[in-house]
Amino acid sequence: MAVTGAATGAGRLLAARLAGREEIRKVVAIDDHRGDVPNVTWRVTDIRDPLLSNRLSDVDVIVNLDVLRSPELDPRERRTHNVRGAQTVVTAAAAARVRRVVLVTSAMVYGAGPGNAVPLPEDAPLGAEADAGIAGDFLEIEELAAGAATTHPGLDVTVVRPAALVGPDVDTVITRHFEAPRLLSVKGSTPGWQFCHIEDLASALELVVVEGITGVLGVGCDGWLGTEEVAEITGKRPFELPAALTFGMAQRLHRLGMTPAPATDLHYVAYPWVVDCARLRAAGWKPAYDNTTALQVLAEESAGRHAVVGRRVGGREATMATAAGATVAAIGAAAAIRRARKRRR
């Protein structure tokens, strides 16, 4: 079997787990550079290489974990890598007569909204915005997965949707939220915070591979945390703003190039998108981390890093206090202007 993105993160963890299983004869580790996982066969290549099929002649299952998530990346470059990479993996697998492909996307595809059920069932409709945000990447990958049965008869495609990822070197719009000095809260919203440590993602994928579990699967910690619990664990106080002001200003800042992610990405820190992991639980999988422990890991990983509206600052750029103060002042000024206009009317 093969794992892409095997040099780092969840891909590295999964490759190591599979290499330690007696029933798996061979593990092919694929990445654009060689990693340090022992007892695997390294094949250094870009997953977007049209000749990828030549590297899969002895593979029966491939798990694609070569997915870029950082908000700092150019959205077009990120999407090209993520979507074309997944498309090439599926096409190459079919050409090499690989039996099964496992695509890892995100529970973000369900969308985040005040009307979401908590938790969302795994067969809930996909409500994410198909825009330039990272959720748009995952929607395109899932569309590819849905059409694979028609395009490539005989190829089975399994989709795994983890909750908000945490762990060493994980950098996403969610982790950046916890690098801020205070946590944004939207007035009237009741977010439900659910996390997925990359070690738990790797253990879930190991079970999916070994047990041949198919279909669509959610992965995450059991249950969820509320705003007060998050504040207590992180030691960061929330500040509350109206939804229209929050998302309107975020979109303006993004258009000006001041924030790396579109306003729709803020929905994922304002509203719930908790995923039910019923199918994996029924198969016997249990996460090693609960939400509290996962959030503590995230807090430790983000210590010393400072982000303002999703963009990291520090060093010569700005101090944490200055950046945070400027941001809060800008938001406060906009709110004051709105209130003044309403009074004039």
Foldseek 3Di string as FASTA:
>chain_A
DEEEPCADFLNVLLQLVLLPDPVDPAYEYEYCDDHDRPNHHYDHDQLLPLCVLVVCLPAQEYEYPPADAALPDDLVVRLCSLLSSLVSVLVSCLVSVHQEYEYEAALCQLAFDQPQDVAHEQPHDGDADCDSHSSVSRVSSVVVQVCSCVVRPRYAYAYEHEYAEFDPPDHHLVLQQLQAQAHEEAPPAKAWAWYAYSSLVSVLVNCCVVVVDGYYFYDTAPGTDTPVLLCVLLVHHYDYDHPCLQQVVQQVCVVVVNASGHSSVVSPRHGYSHYDRVVSVVVPRHGPDHRSRRSNRSSVNSPPWHHDNHHTDDDPRDHSVVRNVVRVVVSVVVVVVVVVVVVVD
